[in-house]
PDB file of all heavy atoms in Angstrom:
ATOM      1  N   GLY A   1       7.436  17.762  -1.050  1.00  0.00           N
ATOM      2  CA  GLY A   1       7.884  17.501   0.244  1.00  0.00           C
ATOM      3  C   GLY A   1       7.174  16.415   1.071  1.00  0.00           C
ATOM      4  O   GLY A   1       7.370  16.331   2.331  1.00  0.00           O
ATOM      5  N   CYS A   2       6.286  15.729   0.525  1.00  0.00           N
ATOM      6  CA  CYS A   2       5.542  14.559   1.149  1.00  0.00           C
ATOM      7  C   CYS A   2       6.472  13.445   1.523  1.00  0.00           C
ATOM      8  O   CYS A   2       7.406  13.082   0.748  1.00  0.00           O
ATOM      9  CB  CYS A   2       4.380  14.099   0.208  1.00  0.00           C
ATOM     10  SG  CYS A   2       3.575  12.619   0.969  1.00  0.00           S
ATOM     11  N   GLN A   3       6.393  13.039   2.785  1.00  0.00           N
ATOM     12  CA  GLN A   3       7.364  12.011   3.249  1.00  0.00           C
ATOM     13  C   GLN A   3       6.811  10.573   3.096  1.00  0.00           C
ATOM     14  O   GLN A   3       7.526   9.725   3.189  1.00  0.00           O
ATOM     15  CB  GLN A   3       7.732  12.287   4.815  1.00  0.00           C
ATOM     16  CG  GLN A   3       8.535  13.491   4.984  1.00  0.00           C
ATOM     17  CD  GLN A   3       9.919  13.418   4.249  1.00  0.00           C
ATOM     18  OE1 GLN A   3      10.575  12.461   4.449  1.00  0.00           O
ATOM     19  NE2 GLN A   3      10.177  14.375   3.347  1.00  0.00           N
ATOM     20  N   ALA A   4       5.553  10.408   2.938  1.00  0.00           N
ATOM     21  CA  ALA A   4       4.879   9.092   2.749  1.00  0.00           C
ATOM     22  C   ALA A   4       3.534   9.162   2.206  1.00  0.00           C
ATOM     23  O   ALA A   4       2.768  10.163   2.404  1.00  0.00           O
ATOM     24  CB  ALA A   4       4.833   8.321   4.108  1.00  0.00           C
ATOM     25  N   ALA A   5       3.158   8.202   1.396  1.00  0.00           N
ATOM     26  CA  ALA A   5       1.763   7.997   0.906  1.00  0.00           C
ATOM     27  C   ALA A   5       1.244   6.705   1.728  1.00  0.00           C
ATOM     28  O   ALA A   5       1.831   5.713   1.656  1.00  0.00           O
ATOM     29  CB  ALA A   5       1.763   7.770  -0.517  1.00  0.00           C
ATOM     30  N   ILE A   6       0.071   6.902   2.329  1.00  0.00           N
ATOM     31  CA  ILE A   6      -0.569   5.830   3.096  1.00  0.00           C
ATOM     32  C   ILE A   6      -1.890   5.388   2.599  1.00  0.00           C
ATOM     33  O   ILE A   6      -2.666   6.262   2.015  1.00  0.00           O
ATOM     34  CB  ILE A   6      -0.722   6.355   4.575  1.00  0.00           C
ATOM     35  CG1 ILE A   6       0.565   6.867   5.148  1.00  0.00           C
ATOM     36  CG2 ILE A   6      -1.354   5.278   5.442  1.00  0.00           C
ATOM     37  CD1 ILE A   6       0.378   7.794   6.333  1.00  0.00           C
ATOM     38  N   LEU A   7      -2.206   4.175   2.517  1.00  0.00           N
ATOM     39  CA  LEU A   7      -3.462   3.794   2.031  1.00  0.00           C
ATOM     40  C   LEU A   7      -3.921   2.495   2.873  1.00  0.00           C
ATOM     41  O   LEU A   7      -3.137   1.886   3.528  1.00  0.00           O
ATOM     42  CB  LEU A   7      -3.502   3.478   0.473  1.00  0.00           C
ATOM     43  CG  LEU A   7      -2.282   2.533   0.131  1.00  0.00           C
ATOM     44  CD1 LEU A   7      -2.624   0.965   0.255  1.00  0.00           C
ATOM     45  CD2 LEU A   7      -2.096   2.733  -1.441  1.00  0.00           C
ATOM     46  N   VAL A   8      -5.266   2.087   2.681  1.00  0.00           N
ATOM     47  CA  VAL A   8      -5.789   0.986   3.400  1.00  0.00           C
ATOM     48  C   VAL A   8      -6.410   0.130   2.220  1.00  0.00           C
ATOM     49  O   VAL A   8      -7.466   0.449   1.676  1.00  0.00           O
ATOM     50  CB  VAL A   8      -6.833   1.410   4.418  1.00  0.00           C
ATOM     51  CG1 VAL A   8      -7.566   0.169   4.979  1.00  0.00           C
ATOM     52  CG2 VAL A   8      -6.298   2.204   5.616  1.00  0.00           C
ATOM     53  N   PRO A   9      -5.765  -1.022   2.072  1.00  0.00           N
ATOM     54  CA  PRO A   9      -6.420  -1.985   0.979  1.00  0.00           C
ATOM     55  C   PRO A   9      -7.828  -2.346   1.316  1.00  0.00           C
ATOM     56  O   PRO A   9      -8.094  -2.784   2.483  1.00  0.00           O
ATOM     57  CB  PRO A   9      -5.435  -3.164   1.032  1.00  0.00           C
ATOM     58  CG  PRO A   9      -4.184  -2.603   1.543  1.00  0.00           C
ATOM     59  CD  PRO A   9      -4.556  -1.573   2.493  1.00  0.00           C
ATOM     60  N   GLY A  10      -8.760  -2.434   0.466  1.00  0.00           N
ATOM     61  CA  GLY A  10     -10.131  -2.447   0.739  1.00  0.00           C
ATOM     62  C   GLY A  10     -10.451  -4.022   0.876  1.00  0.00           C
ATOM     63  O   GLY A  10     -11.492  -4.390   1.496  1.00  0.00           O
ATOM     64  N   GLU A  11      -9.525  -4.941   0.465  1.00  0.00           N
ATOM     65  CA  GLU A  11      -9.712  -6.319   0.597  1.00  0.00           C
ATOM     66  C   GLU A  11      -8.329  -7.032   0.711  1.00  0.00           C
ATOM     67  O   GLU A  11      -7.376  -6.397   0.337  1.00  0.00           O
ATOM     68  CB  GLU A  11     -10.606  -6.900  -0.458  1.00  0.00           C
ATOM     69  CG  GLU A  11     -10.107  -6.696  -1.812  1.00  0.00           C
ATOM     70  CD  GLU A  11     -11.075  -7.124  -2.967  1.00  0.00           C
ATOM     71  OE1 GLU A  11     -12.341  -6.568  -2.824  1.00  0.00           O
ATOM     72  OE2 GLU A  11     -10.774  -7.883  -3.795  1.00  0.00           O
ATOM     73  N   GLU A  12      -8.334  -8.270   1.111  1.00  0.00           N
ATOM     74  CA  GLU A  12      -7.049  -8.897   1.384  1.00  0.00           C
ATOM     75  C   GLU A  12      -6.188  -9.043   0.145  1.00  0.00           C
ATOM     76  O   GLU A  12      -5.029  -8.911   0.167  1.00  0.00           O
ATOM     77  CB  GLU A  12      -7.341 -10.372   1.856  1.00  0.00           C
ATOM     78  CG  GLU A  12      -6.215 -11.134   2.374  1.00  0.00           C
ATOM     79  CD  GLU A  12      -5.553 -10.546   3.655  1.00  0.00           C
ATOM     80  OE1 GLU A  12      -6.381  -9.929   4.390  1.00  0.00           O
ATOM     81  OE2 GLU A  12      -4.365 -10.650   3.901  1.00  0.00           O
ATOM     82  N   SER A  13      -6.766  -9.310  -1.080  1.00  0.00           N
ATOM     83  CA  SER A  13      -6.018  -9.458  -2.206  1.00  0.00           C
ATOM     84  C   SER A  13      -5.293  -8.272  -2.654  1.00  0.00           C
ATOM     85  O   SER A  13      -4.276  -8.300  -3.361  1.00  0.00           O
ATOM     86  CB  SER A  13      -6.951  -9.935  -3.381  1.00  0.00           C
ATOM     87  OG  SER A  13      -7.968  -8.925  -3.708  1.00  0.00           O
ATOM     88  N   LEU A  14      -5.694  -7.032  -2.226  1.00  0.00           N
ATOM     89  CA  LEU A  14      -5.196  -5.753  -2.621  1.00  0.00           C
ATOM     90  C   LEU A  14      -3.819  -5.522  -2.069  1.00  0.00           C
ATOM     91  O   LEU A  14      -3.085  -4.618  -2.388  1.00  0.00           O
ATOM     92  CB  LEU A  14      -6.100  -4.644  -2.501  1.00  0.00           C
ATOM     93  CG  LEU A  14      -7.283  -4.544  -3.345  1.00  0.00           C
ATOM     94  CD1 LEU A  14      -8.301  -3.419  -3.074  1.00  0.00           C
ATOM     95  CD2 LEU A  14      -6.915  -4.447  -4.889  1.00  0.00           C
ATOM     96  N   PHE A  15      -3.566  -6.144  -0.806  1.00  0.00           N
ATOM     97  CA  PHE A  15      -2.302  -6.075  -0.309  1.00  0.00           C
ATOM     98  C   PHE A  15      -1.136  -6.367  -1.214  1.00  0.00           C
ATOM     99  O   PHE A  15      -0.119  -5.699  -1.328  1.00  0.00           O
ATOM    100  CB  PHE A  15      -2.169  -6.916   1.055  1.00  0.00           C
ATOM    101  CG  PHE A  15      -2.866  -6.248   2.299  1.00  0.00           C
ATOM    102  CD1 PHE A  15      -4.208  -6.478   2.453  1.00  0.00           C
ATOM    103  CD2 PHE A  15      -2.011  -5.400   3.103  1.00  0.00           C
ATOM    104  CE1 PHE A  15      -4.775  -5.973   3.669  1.00  0.00           C
ATOM    105  CE2 PHE A  15      -2.712  -4.779   4.204  1.00  0.00           C
ATOM    106  CZ  PHE A  15      -4.063  -5.151   4.516  1.00  0.00           C
ATOM    107  N   GLU A  16      -1.361  -7.451  -1.929  1.00  0.00           N
ATOM    108  CA  GLU A  16      -0.392  -7.908  -2.932  1.00  0.00           C
ATOM    109  C   GLU A  16      -0.251  -6.962  -4.055  1.00  0.00           C
ATOM    110  O   GLU A  16       0.853  -6.604  -4.562  1.00  0.00           O
ATOM    111  CB  GLU A  16      -0.613  -9.432  -3.451  1.00  0.00           C
ATOM    112  CG  GLU A  16       0.374  -9.764  -4.422  1.00  0.00           C
ATOM    113  CD  GLU A  16       1.839  -9.988  -3.870  1.00  0.00           C
ATOM    114  OE1 GLU A  16       1.990  -9.922  -2.635  1.00  0.00           O
ATOM    115  OE2 GLU A  16       2.769 -10.148  -4.760  1.00  0.00           O
ATOM    116  N   PHE A  17      -1.442  -6.451  -4.511  1.00  0.00           N
ATOM    117  CA  PHE A  17      -1.463  -5.405  -5.551  1.00  0.00           C
ATOM    118  C   PHE A  17      -0.620  -4.159  -5.147  1.00  0.00           C
ATOM    119  O   PHE A  17       0.198  -3.760  -5.997  1.00  0.00           O
ATOM    120  CB  PHE A  17      -2.910  -5.031  -5.886  1.00  0.00           C
ATOM    121  CG  PHE A  17      -3.042  -4.009  -6.908  1.00  0.00           C
ATOM    122  CD1 PHE A  17      -3.145  -4.197  -8.128  1.00  0.00           C
ATOM    123  CD2 PHE A  17      -3.192  -2.639  -6.459  1.00  0.00           C
ATOM    124  CE1 PHE A  17      -3.341  -3.155  -9.143  1.00  0.00           C
ATOM    125  CE2 PHE A  17      -3.345  -1.598  -7.285  1.00  0.00           C
ATOM    126  CZ  PHE A  17      -3.483  -1.818  -8.679  1.00  0.00           C
ATOM    127  N   TYR A  18      -0.840  -3.733  -4.017  1.00  0.00           N
ATOM    128  CA  TYR A  18      -0.021  -2.441  -3.650  1.00  0.00           C
ATOM    129  C   TYR A  18       1.320  -2.706  -3.293  1.00  0.00           C
ATOM    130  O   TYR A  18       2.223  -1.852  -3.467  1.00  0.00           O
ATOM    131  CB  TYR A  18      -0.706  -1.791  -2.485  1.00  0.00           C
ATOM    132  CG  TYR A  18      -2.050  -1.104  -2.799  1.00  0.00           C
ATOM    133  CD1 TYR A  18      -3.299  -1.626  -2.459  1.00  0.00           C
ATOM    134  CD2 TYR A  18      -2.033  -0.070  -3.805  1.00  0.00           C
ATOM    135  CE1 TYR A  18      -4.423  -0.887  -2.821  1.00  0.00           C
ATOM    136  CE2 TYR A  18      -3.239   0.615  -4.180  1.00  0.00           C
ATOM    137  CZ  TYR A  18      -4.434   0.193  -3.731  1.00  0.00           C
ATOM    138  OH  TYR A  18      -5.653   0.792  -4.083  1.00  0.00           O
ATOM    139  N   ARG A  19       1.695  -3.943  -2.788  1.00  0.00           N
ATOM    140  CA  ARG A  19       3.117  -4.355  -2.568  1.00  0.00           C
ATOM    141  C   ARG A  19       3.865  -4.269  -3.815  1.00  0.00           C
ATOM    142  O   ARG A  19       5.026  -3.773  -3.800  1.00  0.00           O
ATOM    143  CB  ARG A  19       3.097  -5.824  -1.983  1.00  0.00           C
ATOM    144  CG  ARG A  19       4.494  -6.097  -1.425  1.00  0.00           C
ATOM    145  CD  ARG A  19       4.604  -7.658  -1.120  1.00  0.00           C
ATOM    146  NE  ARG A  19       4.514  -8.444  -2.298  1.00  0.00           N
ATOM    147  CZ  ARG A  19       5.486  -8.597  -3.252  1.00  0.00           C
ATOM    148  NH1 ARG A  19       6.672  -8.067  -3.045  1.00  0.00           N
ATOM    149  NH2 ARG A  19       5.350  -9.293  -4.369  1.00  0.00           N
ATOM    150  N   LYS A  20       3.321  -4.746  -4.982  1.00  0.00           N
ATOM    151  CA  LYS A  20       4.053  -4.705  -6.165  1.00  0.00           C
ATOM    152  C   LYS A  20       4.329  -3.203  -6.711  1.00  0.00           C
ATOM    153  O   LYS A  20       5.025  -3.005  -7.600  1.00  0.00           O
ATOM    154  CB  LYS A  20       3.263  -5.422  -7.266  1.00  0.00           C
ATOM    155  CG  LYS A  20       3.261  -7.014  -7.039  1.00  0.00           C
ATOM    156  CD  LYS A  20       2.366  -7.726  -8.082  1.00  0.00           C
ATOM    157  CE  LYS A  20       2.345  -9.227  -7.849  1.00  0.00           C
ATOM    158  NZ  LYS A  20       1.531  -9.992  -8.838  1.00  0.00           N
ATOM    159  N   ARG A  21       3.567  -2.297  -6.068  1.00  0.00           N
ATOM    160  CA  ARG A  21       3.701  -0.912  -6.443  1.00  0.00           C
ATOM    161  C   ARG A  21       4.450  -0.098  -5.514  1.00  0.00           C
ATOM    162  O   ARG A  21       4.384   1.201  -5.423  1.00  0.00           O
ATOM    163  CB  ARG A  21       2.293  -0.292  -6.800  1.00  0.00           C
ATOM    164  CG  ARG A  21       1.754  -0.900  -8.123  1.00  0.00           C
ATOM    165  CD  ARG A  21       0.260  -1.006  -8.202  1.00  0.00           C
ATOM    166  NE  ARG A  21      -0.071  -1.608  -9.513  1.00  0.00           N
ATOM    167  CZ  ARG A  21      -0.114  -2.897  -9.728  1.00  0.00           C
ATOM    168  NH1 ARG A  21       0.129  -3.804  -8.708  1.00  0.00           N
ATOM    169  NH2 ARG A  21      -0.544  -3.375 -10.883  1.00  0.00           N
ATOM    170  N   GLY A  22       5.186  -0.810  -4.616  1.00  0.00           N
ATOM    171  CA  GLY A  22       6.079  -0.101  -3.699  1.00  0.00           C
ATOM    172  C   GLY A  22       5.611   0.089  -2.337  1.00  0.00           C
ATOM    173  O   GLY A  22       6.282   0.833  -1.519  1.00  0.00           O
ATOM    174  N   TYR A  23       4.388  -0.245  -1.865  1.00  0.00           N
ATOM    175  CA  TYR A  23       3.871  -0.079  -0.719  1.00  0.00           C
ATOM    176  C   TYR A  23       4.229  -1.402   0.310  1.00  0.00           C
ATOM    177  O   TYR A  23       4.216  -2.488  -0.258  1.00  0.00           O
ATOM    178  CB  TYR A  23       2.348   0.112  -0.721  1.00  0.00           C
ATOM    179  CG  TYR A  23       1.994   1.439  -1.383  1.00  0.00           C
ATOM    180  CD1 TYR A  23       2.034   1.606  -2.842  1.00  0.00           C
ATOM    181  CD2 TYR A  23       1.756   2.528  -0.581  1.00  0.00           C
ATOM    182  CE1 TYR A  23       1.846   2.838  -3.324  1.00  0.00           C
ATOM    183  CE2 TYR A  23       1.518   3.757  -1.185  1.00  0.00           C
ATOM    184  CZ  TYR A  23       1.546   3.844  -2.547  1.00  0.00           C
ATOM    185  OH  TYR A  23       1.315   5.140  -3.151  1.00  0.00           O
ATOM    186  N   ARG A  24       4.344  -1.046   1.530  1.00  0.00           N
ATOM    187  CA  ARG A  24       4.584  -2.111   2.544  1.00  0.00           C
ATOM    188  C   ARG A  24       3.605  -1.871   3.773  1.00  0.00           C
ATOM    189  O   ARG A  24       3.359  -0.739   4.067  1.00  0.00           O
ATOM    190  CB  ARG A  24       6.048  -1.941   3.008  1.00  0.00           C
ATOM    191  CG  ARG A  24       7.072  -2.361   1.861  1.00  0.00           C
ATOM    192  CD  ARG A  24       7.033  -3.686   1.392  1.00  0.00           C
ATOM    193  NE  ARG A  24       8.011  -3.991   0.428  1.00  0.00           N
ATOM    194  CZ  ARG A  24       7.791  -3.812  -0.939  1.00  0.00           C
ATOM    195  NH1 ARG A  24       6.532  -3.440  -1.401  1.00  0.00           N
ATOM    196  NH2 ARG A  24       8.764  -4.185  -1.865  1.00  0.00           N
ATOM    197  N   VAL A  25       3.391  -2.919   4.495  1.00  0.00           N
ATOM    198  CA  VAL A  25       2.517  -2.820   5.644  1.00  0.00           C
ATOM    199  C   VAL A  25       3.243  -1.937   6.733  1.00  0.00           C
ATOM    200  O   VAL A  25       4.427  -2.136   6.976  1.00  0.00           O
ATOM    201  CB  VAL A  25       2.220  -4.254   6.214  1.00  0.00           C
ATOM    202  CG1 VAL A  25       1.362  -3.950   7.572  1.00  0.00           C
ATOM    203  CG2 VAL A  25       1.285  -5.023   5.242  1.00  0.00           C
ATOM    204  N   CYS A  26       2.474  -0.887   7.063  1.00  0.00           N
ATOM    205  CA  CYS A  26       3.171   0.004   8.153  1.00  0.00           C
ATOM    206  C   CYS A  26       2.428   0.022   9.564  1.00  0.00           C
ATOM    207  O   CYS A  26       2.860   0.435  10.423  1.00  0.00           O
ATOM    208  CB  CYS A  26       3.110   1.403   7.570  1.00  0.00           C
ATOM    209  SG  CYS A  26       1.455   2.221   7.277  1.00  0.00           S
TER     210      CYS A  26
END
């Protein structure tokens, strides 16, 4: 029943890493 998974990229390059895995800036 979880509605969202949230994370904080540890560095700038990881934003793209997580974007490719379905995450978007929120």
